[in-house]
Structures are given as C-alpha cells and as structure tokens.
PDB file of N, CA and C in Angstrom:
ATOM      1  N   HIS A   1       1.283  -1.592   0.087  1.00  0.00           N
ATOM      2  CA  HIS A   1       0.014   0.078  -0.195  1.00  0.00           C
ATOM      3  C   HIS A   1       0.601   1.673  -0.176  1.00  0.00           C
ATOM      4  N   GLY A   2       0.485   1.658  -0.610  1.00  0.00           N
ATOM      5  CA  GLY A   2       1.126   3.311  -0.847  1.00  0.00           C
ATOM      6  C   GLY A   2       1.046   4.936  -0.354  1.00  0.00           C
ATOM      7  N   ASN A   3       2.161   5.555  -0.606  1.00  0.00           N
ATOM      8  CA  ASN A   3       1.473   7.095  -0.245  1.00  0.00           C
ATOM      9  C   ASN A   3       1.123   8.024  -0.786  1.00  0.00           C
ATOM     10  N   LEU A   4       0.676   7.090  -2.602  1.00  0.00           N
ATOM     11  CA  LEU A   4       0.543   8.565  -3.615  1.00  0.00           C
ATOM     12  C   LEU A   4      -1.221   9.065  -3.039  1.00  0.00           C
ATOM     13  N   GLU A   5      -0.795  10.604  -2.792  1.00  0.00           N
ATOM     14  CA  GLU A   5      -2.255  11.738  -2.312  1.00  0.00           C
ATOM     15  C   GLU A   5      -2.712  12.030  -3.291  1.00  0.00           C
ATOM     16  N   ASP A   6      -1.886  12.845  -3.645  1.00  0.00           N
ATOM     17  CA  ASP A   6      -2.318  13.161  -5.631  1.00  0.00           C
ATOM     18  C   ASP A   6      -1.486  12.929  -6.817  1.00  0.00           C
ATOM     19  N   LEU A   7      -1.674  14.073  -7.989  1.00  0.00           N
ATOM     20  CA  LEU A   7      -1.184  13.690  -9.443  1.00  0.00           C
ATOM     21  C   LEU A   7      -1.592  15.510  -9.645  1.00  0.00           C
ATOM     22  N   LYS A   8      -0.862  15.796 -10.626  1.00  0.00           N
ATOM     23  CA  LYS A   8      -0.868  16.716 -11.203  1.00  0.00           C
ATOM     24  C   LYS A   8      -1.233  16.454 -12.355  1.00  0.00           C
ATOM     25  N   GLU A   9      -1.641  17.715 -13.643  1.00  0.00           N
ATOM     26  CA  GLU A   9      -1.754  17.738 -14.655  1.00  0.00           C
ATOM     27  C   GLU A   9      -0.406  17.370 -15.693  1.00  0.00           C
ATOM     28  N   ASN A  10      -0.863  15.736 -16.793  1.00  0.00           N
ATOM     29  CA  ASN A  10       0.054  16.233 -16.690  1.00  0.00           C
ATOM     30  C   ASN A  10       1.681  15.535 -16.454  1.00  0.00           C
ATOM     31  N   GLN A  11       1.325  14.681 -15.510  1.00  0.00           N
ATOM     32  CA  GLN A  11       2.061  13.363 -14.689  1.00  0.00           C
ATOM     33  C   GLN A  11       2.915  13.265 -15.369  1.00  0.00           C
ATOM     34  N   PHE A  12       2.485  12.647 -15.661  1.00  0.00           N
ATOM     35  CA  PHE A  12       4.171  11.753 -16.759  1.00  0.00           C
ATOM     36  C   PHE A  12       4.089  11.626 -18.193  1.00  0.00           C
ATOM     37  N   ARG A  13       4.021  13.759 -18.181  1.00  0.00           N
ATOM     38  CA  ARG A  13       4.676  14.126 -19.609  1.00  0.00           C
ATOM     39  C   ARG A  13       5.964  13.647 -20.074  1.00  0.00           C
ATOM     40  N   GLY A  14       6.733  13.456 -20.867  1.00  0.00           N
ATOM     41  CA  GLY A  14       7.279  12.407 -21.102  1.00  0.00           C
ATOM     42  C   GLY A  14       8.513  11.237 -20.841  1.00  0.00           C
ATOM     43  N   LEU A  15       7.146  10.766 -20.728  1.00  0.00           N
ATOM     44  CA  LEU A  15       7.758   8.609 -20.860  1.00  0.00           C
ATOM     45  C   LEU A  15       6.431   8.288 -21.107  1.00  0.00           C
ATOM     46  N   SER A  16       7.176   8.779 -22.187  1.00  0.00           N
ATOM     47  CA  SER A  16       5.905   8.081 -24.125  1.00  0.00           C
ATOM     48  C   SER A  16       5.598   6.563 -23.790  1.00  0.00           C
ATOM     49  N   ASN A  17       7.136   6.261 -23.911  1.00  0.00           N
ATOM     50  CA  ASN A  17       7.162   3.976 -24.038  1.00  0.00           C
ATOM     51  C   ASN A  17       6.746   3.854 -22.880  1.00  0.00           C
ATOM     52  N   LEU A  18       5.950   5.142 -21.645  1.00  0.00           N
ATOM     53  CA  LEU A  18       5.166   4.052 -20.144  1.00  0.00           C
ATOM     54  C   LEU A  18       3.913   2.849 -20.397  1.00  0.00           C
ATOM     55  N   GLN A  19       4.104   2.141 -20.358  1.00  0.00           N
ATOM     56  CA  GLN A  19       3.290   0.751 -20.793  1.00  0.00           C
ATOM     57  C   GLN A  19       2.004   0.010 -19.810  1.00  0.00           C
ATOM     58  N   VAL A  20       2.284   0.200 -17.810  1.00  0.00           N
ATOM     59  CA  VAL A  20       2.107  -0.214 -17.133  1.00  0.00           C
ATOM     60  C   VAL A  20       2.173   1.231 -16.141  1.00  0.00           C
ATOM     61  N   LEU A  21       0.971   1.278 -15.572  1.00  0.00           N
ATOM     62  CA  LEU A  21       0.550   2.403 -14.484  1.00  0.00           C
ATOM     63  C   LEU A  21      -0.458   1.755 -12.828  1.00  0.00           C
ATOM     64  N   LEU A  22       0.701   1.134 -12.387  1.00  0.00           N
ATOM     65  CA  LEU A  22       0.120   0.906 -11.684  1.00  0.00           C
ATOM     66  C   LEU A  22       0.246   1.671 -10.208  1.00  0.00           C
ATOM     67  N   MET A  23      -0.927   2.022  -9.630  1.00  0.00           N
ATOM     68  CA  MET A  23      -1.238   3.537  -8.868  1.00  0.00           C
ATOM     69  C   MET A  23      -2.404   2.912  -7.601  1.00  0.00           C
ATOM     70  N   HIS A  24      -3.155   1.340  -7.610  1.00  0.00           N
ATOM     71  CA  HIS A  24      -3.527   0.611  -7.150  1.00  0.00           C
ATOM     72  C   HIS A  24      -3.083   0.801  -5.600  1.00  0.00           C
ATOM     73  N   HIS A  25      -4.207   0.667  -4.536  1.00  0.00           N
ATOM     74  CA  HIS A  25      -3.745   0.726  -3.282  1.00  0.00           C
ATOM     75  C   HIS A  25      -2.967   1.996  -2.926  1.00  0.00           C
ATOM     76  N   ASN A  26      -3.400   3.179  -3.573  1.00  0.00           N
ATOM     77  CA  ASN A  26      -2.581   4.293  -2.939  1.00  0.00           C
ATOM     78  C   ASN A  26      -3.961   5.464  -1.538  1.00  0.00           C
ATOM     79  N   LYS A  27      -3.787   6.222  -1.365  1.00  0.00           N
ATOM     80  CA  LYS A  27      -4.701   7.917  -1.035  1.00  0.00           C
ATOM     81  C   LYS A  27      -5.248   9.315  -2.451  1.00  0.00           C
ATOM     82  N   LEU A  28      -5.458   8.523  -3.477  1.00  0.00           N
ATOM     83  CA  LEU A  28      -5.444   9.234  -4.085  1.00  0.00           C
ATOM     84  C   LEU A  28      -6.663   9.709  -4.373  1.00  0.00           C
ATOM     85  N   GLN A  29      -7.336  10.602  -4.490  1.00  0.00           N
ATOM     86  CA  GLN A  29      -8.536  11.402  -4.051  1.00  0.00           C
ATOM     87  C   GLN A  29      -9.407  12.347  -5.709  1.00  0.00           C
ATOM     88  N   GLU A  30      -8.573  12.436  -6.676  1.00  0.00           N
ATOM     89  CA  GLU A  30      -8.101  13.567  -7.602  1.00  0.00           C
ATOM     90  C   GLU A  30      -8.591  12.445  -9.008  1.00  0.00           C
ATOM     91  N   LEU A  31      -8.050  12.945 -10.204  1.00  0.00           N
ATOM     92  CA  LEU A  31      -7.449  12.532 -11.365  1.00  0.00           C
ATOM     93  C   LEU A  31      -7.820  13.843 -12.483  1.00  0.00           C
ATOM     94  N   PRO A  32      -6.424  14.332 -11.531  1.00  0.00           N
ATOM     95  CA  PRO A  32      -7.188  15.453 -12.982  1.00  0.00           C
ATOM     96  C   PRO A  32      -6.781  15.094 -14.455  1.00  0.00           C
ATOM     97  N   GLU A  33      -7.962  15.847 -15.206  1.00  0.00           N
ATOM     98  CA  GLU A  33      -7.907  15.587 -17.327  1.00  0.00           C
ATOM     99  C   GLU A  33      -7.446  15.513 -18.204  1.00  0.00           C
ATOM    100  N   ASN A  34      -5.917  16.050 -17.945  1.00  0.00           N
ATOM    101  CA  ASN A  34      -4.986  15.448 -18.712  1.00  0.00           C
ATOM    102  C   ASN A  34      -3.504  14.643 -18.137  1.00  0.00           C
ATOM    103  N   VAL A  35      -4.190  13.982 -16.715  1.00  0.00           N
ATOM    104  CA  VAL A  35      -2.762  13.708 -16.252  1.00  0.00           C
ATOM    105  C   VAL A  35      -2.288  11.918 -17.114  1.00  0.00           C
ATOM    106  N   PHE A  36      -2.340  11.639 -17.857  1.00  0.00           N
ATOM    107  CA  PHE A  36      -2.209  10.971 -18.956  1.00  0.00           C
ATOM    108  C   PHE A  36      -2.070  11.393 -20.109  1.00  0.00           C
ATOM    109  N   GLU A  37      -2.083  12.255 -20.549  1.00  0.00           N
ATOM    110  CA  GLU A  37      -1.249  13.339 -22.150  1.00  0.00           C
ATOM    111  C   GLU A  37       0.017  12.619 -21.892  1.00  0.00           C
ATOM    112  N   GLY A  38      -0.127  11.670 -23.623  1.00  0.00           N
ATOM    113  CA  GLY A  38       2.054  11.528 -24.029  1.00  0.00           C
ATOM    114  C   GLY A  38       1.437  10.867 -23.370  1.00  0.00           C
ATOM    115  N   LEU A  39       0.395   9.605 -23.155  1.00  0.00           N
ATOM    116  CA  LEU A  39       0.691   7.739 -22.908  1.00  0.00           C
ATOM    117  C   LEU A  39       0.718   6.812 -23.842  1.00  0.00           C
ATOM    118  N   GLU A  40       1.114   6.939 -25.569  1.00  0.00           N
ATOM    119  CA  GLU A  40       0.165   6.412 -26.542  1.00  0.00           C
ATOM    120  C   GLU A  40       0.533   4.761 -26.107  1.00  0.00           C
ATOM    121  N   LYS A  41       0.931   4.753 -25.158  1.00  0.00           N
ATOM    122  CA  LYS A  41       1.420   2.909 -24.681  1.00  0.00           C
ATOM    123  C   LYS A  41       1.040   2.156 -23.565  1.00  0.00           C
ATOM    124  N   LEU A  42       0.281   2.990 -23.354  1.00  0.00           N
ATOM    125  CA  LEU A  42       0.252   2.801 -21.666  1.00  0.00           C
ATOM    126  C   LEU A  42      -1.617   1.122 -22.647  1.00  0.00           C
ATOM    127  N   LYS A  43      -1.000   0.787 -21.260  1.00  0.00           N
ATOM    128  CA  LYS A  43      -1.579  -0.445 -21.906  1.00  0.00           C
ATOM    129  C   LYS A  43      -2.536  -1.851 -20.104  1.00  0.00           C
ATOM    130  N   VAL A  44      -1.384  -0.807 -19.576  1.00  0.00           N
ATOM    131  CA  VAL A  44      -2.906  -1.655 -18.417  1.00  0.00           C
ATOM    132  C   VAL A  44      -2.952  -0.195 -17.413  1.00  0.00           C
ATOM    133  N   VAL A  45      -4.002   0.469 -16.316  1.00  0.00           N
ATOM    134  CA  VAL A  45      -3.768   1.298 -15.179  1.00  0.00           C
ATOM    135  C   VAL A  45      -4.737   0.752 -14.462  1.00  0.00           C
ATOM    136  N   LYS A  46      -4.022   0.600 -12.718  1.00  0.00           N
ATOM    137  CA  LYS A  46      -4.605   0.243 -11.983  1.00  0.00           C
ATOM    138  C   LYS A  46      -5.139   1.525 -11.246  1.00  0.00           C
ATOM    139  N   LEU A  47      -5.921   1.937 -10.932  1.00  0.00           N
ATOM    140  CA  LEU A  47      -6.194   3.050 -10.065  1.00  0.00           C
ATOM    141  C   LEU A  47      -7.429   1.977  -8.167  1.00  0.00           C
ATOM    142  N   LEU A  48      -7.659   0.582  -8.861  1.00  0.00           N
ATOM    143  CA  LEU A  48      -8.603   0.899  -7.301  1.00  0.00           C
ATOM    144  C   LEU A  48      -8.002   0.769  -6.261  1.00  0.00           C
ATOM    145  N   ALA A  49      -9.042   0.823  -4.905  1.00  0.00           N
ATOM    146  CA  ALA A  49      -8.560   0.917  -4.068  1.00  0.00           C
ATOM    147  C   ALA A  49      -7.151   1.891  -2.972  1.00  0.00           C
ATOM    148  N   ASN A  50      -8.573   3.330  -4.031  1.00  0.00           N
ATOM    149  CA  ASN A  50      -7.750   4.921  -3.364  1.00  0.00           C
ATOM    150  C   ASN A  50      -9.806   5.439  -3.269  1.00  0.00           C
ATOM    151  N   LYS A  51      -8.954   6.844  -2.140  1.00  0.00           N
ATOM    152  CA  LYS A  51      -9.572   7.073  -1.398  1.00  0.00           C
ATOM    153  C   LYS A  51     -10.836   8.059  -2.556  1.00  0.00           C
ATOM    154  N   TRP A  52     -11.286   7.715  -3.216  1.00  0.00           N
ATOM    155  CA  TRP A  52     -12.220   9.527  -4.270  1.00  0.00           C
ATOM    156  C   TRP A  52     -12.715   9.769  -4.053  1.00  0.00           C
ATOM    157  N   LYS A  53     -12.724  11.257  -4.112  1.00  0.00           N
ATOM    158  CA  LYS A  53     -13.629  12.122  -3.230  1.00  0.00           C
ATOM    159  C   LYS A  53     -14.909  11.683  -4.002  1.00  0.00           C
ATOM    160  N   GLU A  54     -14.874  11.479  -5.471  1.00  0.00           N
ATOM    161  CA  GLU A  54     -16.784  10.931  -6.525  1.00  0.00           C
ATOM    162  C   GLU A  54     -16.226   9.725  -6.745  1.00  0.00           C
ATOM    163  N   LYS A  55     -17.278   8.343  -7.148  1.00  0.00           N
ATOM    164  CA  LYS A  55     -16.829   7.461  -7.408  1.00  0.00           C
ATOM    165  C   LYS A  55     -16.923   7.328  -8.543  1.00  0.00           C
ATOM    166  N   LEU A  56     -14.709   6.828  -9.187  1.00  0.00           N
ATOM    167  CA  LEU A  56     -14.643   6.875 -10.299  1.00  0.00           C
ATOM    168  C   LEU A  56     -15.125   6.021 -10.801  1.00  0.00           C
ATOM    169  N   THR A  57     -15.254   6.039 -12.181  1.00  0.00           N
ATOM    170  CA  THR A  57     -15.989   5.092 -13.414  1.00  0.00           C
ATOM    171  C   THR A  57     -15.157   5.907 -14.376  1.00  0.00           C
ATOM    172  N   LYS A  58     -15.146   5.251 -15.852  1.00  0.00           N
ATOM    173  CA  LYS A  58     -14.155   5.259 -17.161  1.00  0.00           C
ATOM    174  C   LYS A  58     -14.556   6.191 -17.599  1.00  0.00           C
ATOM    175  N   THR A  59     -16.412   7.212 -17.675  1.00  0.00           N
ATOM    176  CA  THR A  59     -16.154   7.702 -17.634  1.00  0.00           C
ATOM    177  C   THR A  59     -16.101   8.889 -17.732  1.00  0.00           C
ATOM    178  N   ALA A  60     -14.975   8.767 -16.395  1.00  0.00           N
ATOM    179  CA  ALA A  60     -14.139  10.395 -15.638  1.00  0.00           C
ATOM    180  C   ALA A  60     -13.246  11.458 -16.715  1.00  0.00           C
ATOM    181  N   PRO A  61     -13.713  12.182 -16.773  1.00  0.00           N
ATOM    182  CA  PRO A  61     -12.752  13.276 -18.235  1.00  0.00           C
ATOM    183  C   PRO A  61     -10.898  12.178 -17.667  1.00  0.00           C
ATOM    184  N   ALA A  62     -10.442  12.829 -17.530  1.00  0.00           N
ATOM    185  CA  ALA A  62      -8.842  11.561 -17.668  1.00  0.00           C
ATOM    186  C   ALA A  62      -9.166  10.286 -18.267  1.00  0.00           C
ATOM    187  N   LEU A  63     -10.489   9.402 -17.292  1.00  0.00           N
ATOM    188  CA  LEU A  63     -10.571   8.028 -18.342  1.00  0.00           C
ATOM    189  C   LEU A  63     -10.376   7.902 -19.436  1.00  0.00           C
ATOM    190  N   ALA A  64     -11.548   8.644 -19.783  1.00  0.00           N
ATOM    191  CA  ALA A  64     -12.542   8.743 -21.077  1.00  0.00           C
ATOM    192  C   ALA A  64     -10.708   8.923 -21.848  1.00  0.00           C
ATOM    193  N   ARG A  65     -10.209  10.142 -21.665  1.00  0.00           N
ATOM    194  CA  ARG A  65      -9.692   9.749 -22.270  1.00  0.00           C
ATOM    195  C   ARG A  65      -8.432   9.068 -23.669  1.00  0.00           C
ATOM    196  N   ILE A  66      -8.610   8.171 -22.743  1.00  0.00           N
ATOM    197  CA  ILE A  66      -7.757   6.493 -22.988  1.00  0.00           C
ATOM    198  C   ILE A  66      -9.106   5.637 -23.240  1.00  0.00           C
ATOM    199  N   PHE A  67      -9.545   5.292 -22.764  1.00  0.00           N
ATOM    200  CA  PHE A  67     -10.817   3.866 -22.625  1.00  0.00           C
ATOM    201  C   PHE A  67     -11.788   4.569 -23.454  1.00  0.00           C
ATOM    202  N   PRO A  68     -12.709   2.960 -24.311  1.00  0.00           N
ATOM    203  CA  PRO A  68     -12.460   2.436 -25.157  1.00  0.00           C
ATOM    204  C   PRO A  68     -10.718   2.139 -25.494  1.00  0.00           C
ATOM    205  N   PRO A  69      -9.911   2.572 -26.137  1.00  0.00           N
ATOM    206  CA  PRO A  69      -8.127   2.718 -26.433  1.00  0.00           C
ATOM    207  C   PRO A  69      -9.354   2.444 -27.921  1.00  0.00           C
ATOM    208  N   PRO A  70      -8.253   2.966 -28.927  1.00  0.00           N
ATOM    209  CA  PRO A  70      -8.477   2.566 -30.558  1.00  0.00           C
ATOM    210  C   PRO A  70      -8.382   1.314 -30.553  1.00  0.00           C
ATOM    211  N   GLU A  71      -9.458   1.362 -31.892  1.00  0.00           N
ATOM    212  CA  GLU A  71      -9.220   0.224 -32.292  1.00  0.00           C
ATOM    213  C   GLU A  71      -8.355  -0.416 -32.891  1.00  0.00           C
ATOM    214  N   GLY A  72      -8.114  -2.040 -32.108  1.00  0.00           N
ATOM    215  CA  GLY A  72      -6.588  -2.385 -32.283  1.00  0.00           C
ATOM    216  C   GLY A  72      -6.036  -2.190 -31.420  1.00  0.00           C
ATOM    217  N   LYS A  73      -5.766  -1.715 -30.122  1.00  0.00           N
ATOM    218  CA  LYS A  73      -4.481  -1.167 -29.283  1.00  0.00           C
ATOM    219  C   LYS A  73      -5.931  -1.724 -27.815  1.00  0.00           C
ATOM    220  N   THR A  74      -5.650  -2.105 -26.873  1.00  0.00           N
ATOM    221  CA  THR A  74      -5.959  -2.651 -25.628  1.00  0.00           C
ATOM    222  C   THR A  74      -5.826  -2.394 -24.383  1.00  0.00           C
ATOM    223  N   LEU A  75      -6.321  -1.649 -23.737  1.00  0.00           N
ATOM    224  CA  LEU A  75      -6.354  -1.728 -22.468  1.00  0.00           C
ATOM    225  C   LEU A  75      -6.932  -1.771 -21.316  1.00  0.00           C
ATOM    226  N   GLN A  76      -6.373  -1.999 -20.425  1.00  0.00           N
ATOM    227  CA  GLN A  76      -6.506  -3.142 -19.172  1.00  0.00           C
ATOM    228  C   GLN A  76      -7.130  -1.491 -17.714  1.00  0.00           C
ATOM    229  N   LEU A  77      -8.121  -0.913 -17.695  1.00  0.00           N
ATOM    230  CA  LEU A  77      -8.368  -0.142 -16.836  1.00  0.00           C
ATOM    231  C   LEU A  77      -9.494  -0.771 -15.665  1.00  0.00           C
ATOM    232  N   ASP A  78      -8.366  -0.717 -14.529  1.00  0.00           N
ATOM    233  CA  ASP A  78      -9.009  -1.443 -13.757  1.00  0.00           C
ATOM    234  C   ASP A  78      -9.611  -0.370 -12.256  1.00  0.00           C
ATOM    235  N   ILE A  79     -10.616   0.275 -12.089  1.00  0.00           N
ATOM    236  CA  ILE A  79     -11.044   0.856 -11.245  1.00  0.00           C
ATOM    237  C   ILE A  79     -11.853   0.519 -10.132  1.00  0.00           C
ATOM    238  N   THR A  80     -12.532  -0.357 -10.088  1.00  0.00           N
ATOM    239  CA  THR A  80     -12.852  -1.243  -9.256  1.00  0.00           C
ATOM    240  C   THR A  80     -13.068  -3.085  -8.853  1.00  0.00           C
ATOM    241  N   ARG A  81     -11.759  -3.509  -9.920  1.00  0.00           N
ATOM    242  CA  ARG A  81     -11.775  -4.615  -9.235  1.00  0.00           C
ATOM    243  C   ARG A  81     -10.112  -5.265 -10.059  1.00  0.00           C
ATOM    244  N   ASP A  82      -9.226  -6.049  -9.220  1.00  0.00           N
ATOM    245  CA  ASP A  82      -7.719  -6.377 -10.511  1.00  0.00           C
ATOM    246  C   ASP A  82      -8.758  -7.471 -11.415  1.00  0.00           C
ATOM    247  N   SER A  83      -8.574  -6.873 -12.335  1.00  0.00           N
ATOM    248  CA  SER A  83      -8.815  -8.570 -13.474  1.00  0.00           C
ATOM    249  C   SER A  83      -7.233  -8.954 -13.497  1.00  0.00           C
ATOM    250  N   GLY A  84      -6.766  -8.778 -12.969  1.00  0.00           N
ATOM    251  CA  GLY A  84      -5.801  -9.984 -13.017  1.00  0.00           C
ATOM    252  C   GLY A  84      -3.988  -9.167 -13.688  1.00  0.00           C
ATOM    253  N   ASP A  85      -3.023  -9.596 -13.917  1.00  0.00           N
ATOM    254  CA  ASP A  85      -1.813  -9.662 -14.153  1.00  0.00           C
ATOM    255  C   ASP A  85      -1.463 -10.505 -15.750  1.00  0.00           C
ATOM    256  N   SER A  86      -2.722 -10.508 -16.879  1.00  0.00           N
ATOM    257  CA  SER A  86      -2.018 -10.785 -18.401  1.00  0.00           C
ATOM    258  C   SER A  86      -0.516 -10.422 -19.001  1.00  0.00           C
ATOM    259  N   LEU A  87      -0.449  -8.622 -18.861  1.00  0.00           N
ATOM    260  CA  LEU A  87       0.108  -8.557 -19.817  1.00  0.00           C
ATOM    261  C   LEU A  87       2.128  -8.974 -18.318  1.00  0.00           C
ATOM    262  N   GLU A  88       1.728  -8.926 -17.474  1.00  0.00           N
ATOM    263  CA  GLU A  88       2.971  -8.862 -17.070  1.00  0.00           C
ATOM    264  C   GLU A  88       3.188 -10.397 -16.820  1.00  0.00           C
ATOM    265  N   ASP A  89       2.162 -10.861 -16.363  1.00  0.00           N
ATOM    266  CA  ASP A  89       2.662 -12.539 -16.877  1.00  0.00           C
ATOM    267  C   ASP A  89       3.757 -13.401 -18.711  1.00  0.00           C
ATOM    268  N   PHE A  90       3.679 -12.457 -18.924  1.00  0.00           N
ATOM    269  CA  PHE A  90       3.398 -12.663 -20.161  1.00  0.00           C
ATOM    270  C   PHE A  90       5.397 -12.435 -20.001  1.00  0.00           C
ATOM    271  N   TRP A  91       5.153 -10.835 -19.428  1.00  0.00           N
ATOM    272  CA  TRP A  91       6.655 -10.975 -20.023  1.00  0.00           C
ATOM    273  C   TRP A  91       7.430 -11.137 -19.165  1.00  0.00           C
ATOM    274  N   GLU A  92       7.010 -12.170 -17.886  1.00  0.00           N
ATOM    275  CA  GLU A  92       7.762 -13.258 -16.902  1.00  0.00           C
ATOM    276  C   GLU A  92       8.146 -14.310 -17.750  1.00  0.00           C
ATOM    277  N   LYS A  93       6.763 -14.671 -17.956  1.00  0.00           N
ATOM    278  CA  LYS A  93       6.798 -15.770 -18.903  1.00  0.00           C
ATOM    279  C   LYS A  93       8.361 -15.867 -20.368  1.00  0.00           C
ATOM    280  N   THR A  94       7.783 -14.980 -20.771  1.00  0.00           N
ATOM    281  CA  THR A  94       9.079 -14.027 -22.325  1.00  0.00           C
ATOM    282  C   THR A  94      10.810 -13.215 -22.030  1.00  0.00           C
ATOM    283  N   ASN A  95      10.528 -13.475 -20.510  1.00  0.00           N
ATOM    284  CA  ASN A  95      12.321 -12.680 -20.195  1.00  0.00           C
ATOM    285  C   ASN A  95      12.155 -11.523 -21.115  1.00  0.00           C
ATOM    286  N   THR A  96      11.076 -10.587 -21.198  1.00  0.00           N
ATOM    287  CA  THR A  96      10.870  -9.632 -21.627  1.00  0.00           C
ATOM    288  C   THR A  96      10.339  -8.231 -20.550  1.00  0.00           C
ATOM    289  N   TYR A  97      10.487  -8.413 -19.905  1.00  0.00           N
ATOM    290  CA  TYR A  97      10.065  -7.388 -18.492  1.00  0.00           C
ATOM    291  C   TYR A  97      11.287  -6.296 -18.653  1.00  0.00           C
ATOM    292  N   LEU A  98      11.861  -5.661 -19.331  1.00  0.00           N
ATOM    293  CA  LEU A  98      12.762  -4.854 -19.384  1.00  0.00           C
ATOM    294  C   LEU A  98      12.777  -4.485 -20.786  1.00  0.00           C
ATOM    295  N   ASP A  99      12.065  -4.903 -22.457  1.00  0.00           N
ATOM    296  CA  ASP A  99      12.357  -4.584 -22.893  1.00  0.00           C
ATOM    297  C   ASP A  99      11.003  -3.567 -23.262  1.00  0.00           C
ATOM    298  N   ASP A 100      11.947  -2.795 -24.293  1.00  0.00           N
ATOM    299  CA  ASP A 100      10.727  -1.488 -24.905  1.00  0.00           C
ATOM    300  C   ASP A 100       9.727  -1.688 -26.270  1.00  0.00           C
ATOM    301  N   ASP A 101      10.010  -3.010 -26.777  1.00  0.00           N
ATOM    302  CA  ASP A 101       8.993  -3.475 -27.271  1.00  0.00           C
ATOM    303  C   ASP A 101       7.397  -3.225 -27.002  1.00  0.00           C
ATOM    304  N   TYR A 102       6.824  -2.706 -28.216  1.00  0.00           N
ATOM    305  CA  TYR A 102       5.644  -2.877 -28.072  1.00  0.00           C
ATOM    306  C   TYR A 102       5.062  -2.685 -29.036  1.00  0.00           C
ATOM    307  N   PHE A 103       3.497  -3.893 -28.975  1.00  0.00           N
ATOM    308  CA  PHE A 103       2.679  -4.217 -29.070  1.00  0.00           C
ATOM    309  C   PHE A 103       1.077  -4.362 -29.210  1.00  0.00           C
ATOM    310  N   PRO A 104       0.082  -3.343 -29.988  1.00  0.00           N
ATOM    311  CA  PRO A 104      -1.002  -2.567 -30.180  1.00  0.00           C
ATOM    312  C   PRO A 104      -1.847  -3.549 -29.251  1.00  0.00           C
ATOM    313  N   GLY A 105      -1.581  -4.663 -29.569  1.00  0.00           N
ATOM    314  CA  GLY A 105      -3.308  -6.158 -29.274  1.00  0.00           C
ATOM    315  C   GLY A 105      -2.849  -6.825 -27.895  1.00  0.00           C
ATOM    316  N   ARG A 106      -3.339  -7.799 -27.151  1.00  0.00           N
ATOM    317  CA  ARG A 106      -2.722  -8.445 -26.546  1.00  0.00           C
ATOM    318  C   ARG A 106      -1.499  -9.772 -26.722  1.00  0.00           C
ATOM    319  N   PRO A 107      -1.165  -9.387 -25.566  1.00  0.00           N
ATOM    320  CA  PRO A 107       0.249  -9.970 -25.605  1.00  0.00           C
ATOM    321  C   PRO A 107       0.112 -10.760 -27.233  1.00  0.00           C
ATOM    322  N   PRO A 108       1.070 -11.643 -27.226  1.00  0.00           N
ATOM    323  CA  PRO A 108       1.069 -13.100 -28.121  1.00  0.00           C
ATOM    324  C   PRO A 108       1.689 -13.693 -27.264  1.00  0.00           C
ATOM    325  N   LYS A 109       1.435 -14.826 -27.813  1.00  0.00           N
ATOM    326  CA  LYS A 109       1.070 -16.175 -26.778  1.00  0.00           C
ATOM    327  C   LYS A 109       1.927 -16.421 -26.864  1.00  0.00           C
ATOM    328  N   PRO A 110       3.585 -17.236 -25.950  1.00  0.00           N
ATOM    329  CA  PRO A 110       4.998 -17.233 -25.900  1.00  0.00           C
ATOM    330  C   PRO A 110       5.520 -19.121 -26.431  1.00  0.00           C
ATOM    331  N   HIS A 111       6.185 -18.576 -27.348  1.00  0.00           N
ATOM    332  CA  HIS A 111       6.354 -19.875 -28.099  1.00  0.00           C
ATOM    333  C   HIS A 111       7.175 -20.735 -26.860  1.00  0.00           C
ATOM    334  N   LYS A 112       6.827 -21.759 -26.490  1.00  0.00           N
ATOM    335  CA  LYS A 112       6.171 -23.461 -25.989  1.00  0.00           C
ATOM    336  C   LYS A 112       8.540 -23.639 -26.394  1.00  0.00           C
ATOM    337  N   THR A 113       8.839 -23.987 -25.729  1.00  0.00           N
ATOM    338  CA  THR A 113       9.993 -24.690 -25.686  1.00  0.00           C
ATOM    339  C   THR A 113       9.611 -26.214 -25.986  1.00  0.00           C
ATOM    340  N   LYS A 114      10.603 -26.771 -27.097  1.00  0.00           N
ATOM    341  CA  LYS A 114      10.309 -27.954 -27.207  1.00  0.00           C
ATOM    342  C   LYS A 114      11.234 -28.529 -25.976  1.00  0.00           C
ATOM    343  N   LYS A 115      11.189 -30.303 -26.063  1.00  0.00           N
ATOM    344  CA  LYS A 115      12.520 -30.736 -25.282  1.00  0.00           C
ATOM    345  C   LYS A 115      13.515 -30.326 -26.396  1.00  0.00           C
ATOM    346  N   SER A 116      13.456 -31.176 -27.768  1.00  0.00           N
ATOM    347  CA  SER A 116      14.035 -30.647 -28.454  1.00  0.00           C
ATOM    348  C   SER A 116      14.604 -29.826 -29.380  1.00  0.00           C
ATOM    349  N   GLU A 117      14.507 -28.664 -28.411  1.00  0.00           N
ATOM    350  CA  GLU A 117      15.820 -27.260 -28.897  1.00  0.00           C
ATOM    351  C   GLU A 117      16.159 -27.052 -27.407  1.00  0.00           C
ATOM    352  N   LEU A 118      16.184 -27.223 -26.698  1.00  0.00           N
ATOM    353  CA  LEU A 118      17.157 -27.562 -25.226  1.00  0.00           C
ATOM    354  C   LEU A 118      18.159 -27.491 -25.384  1.00  0.00           C
TER     355      LEU A 118
END
C-alpha cells in the first residue's frame, strides 16, 4: 500500500514509452483531466482501492481520454476490481520485462520451447 496522495496535470509528460501504471492501493482522491496526456503506449492502468472524492468510473474525464482504446489497441483499466496481470505474466514468461518492445493488441502467445530445442 502506497502513500501517493495526488497527481498533477501532465504528471507523466515525457514518459511516452510507459506501458504499465500501477497506482492502486494509494490515497488518491482526484484524477486530473490531462494526467495521461502523451501516454500512447499505455496498456495497464490500475486505480482501484484509493480514496476518491467522487466514485471513479470509466467516463471520468481523465479516463474517457484513454478508454475505450482506439481500434486494435487494448487497455486493461482496473478501477473497481483487479482483473489480473496477463501482460505482466507474458513479460515474465518471455523474459521481456525490461524491453521497450510495444505491440498494440493483446500479448502474443509465448513460444513454448520443445525439449528438442534445449
């Protein structure tokens, strides 16, 4: 559990390669409208379990800018429940956690290594 209490407009400016933003279990109360500005590669946003002044919904101005995502792009947006960690699981299975590679849709299926390839 974190102690993040507030976010500023354009808080993440300059982080154009950011794909995962985990801000759940904090003390956030408001979400500035332009907080996600420029995060074109964002794939996962977790905001659940914060202290929102008003109930947070996918139609909130800041979230309406990123959700629903454009055609062909997926975005995991968790605001009321945790829907899992499929992208993180993919990165761990493929050892690509620190790569800057970006794919717009769902994670590709990891290639299974055959015993003959070992």
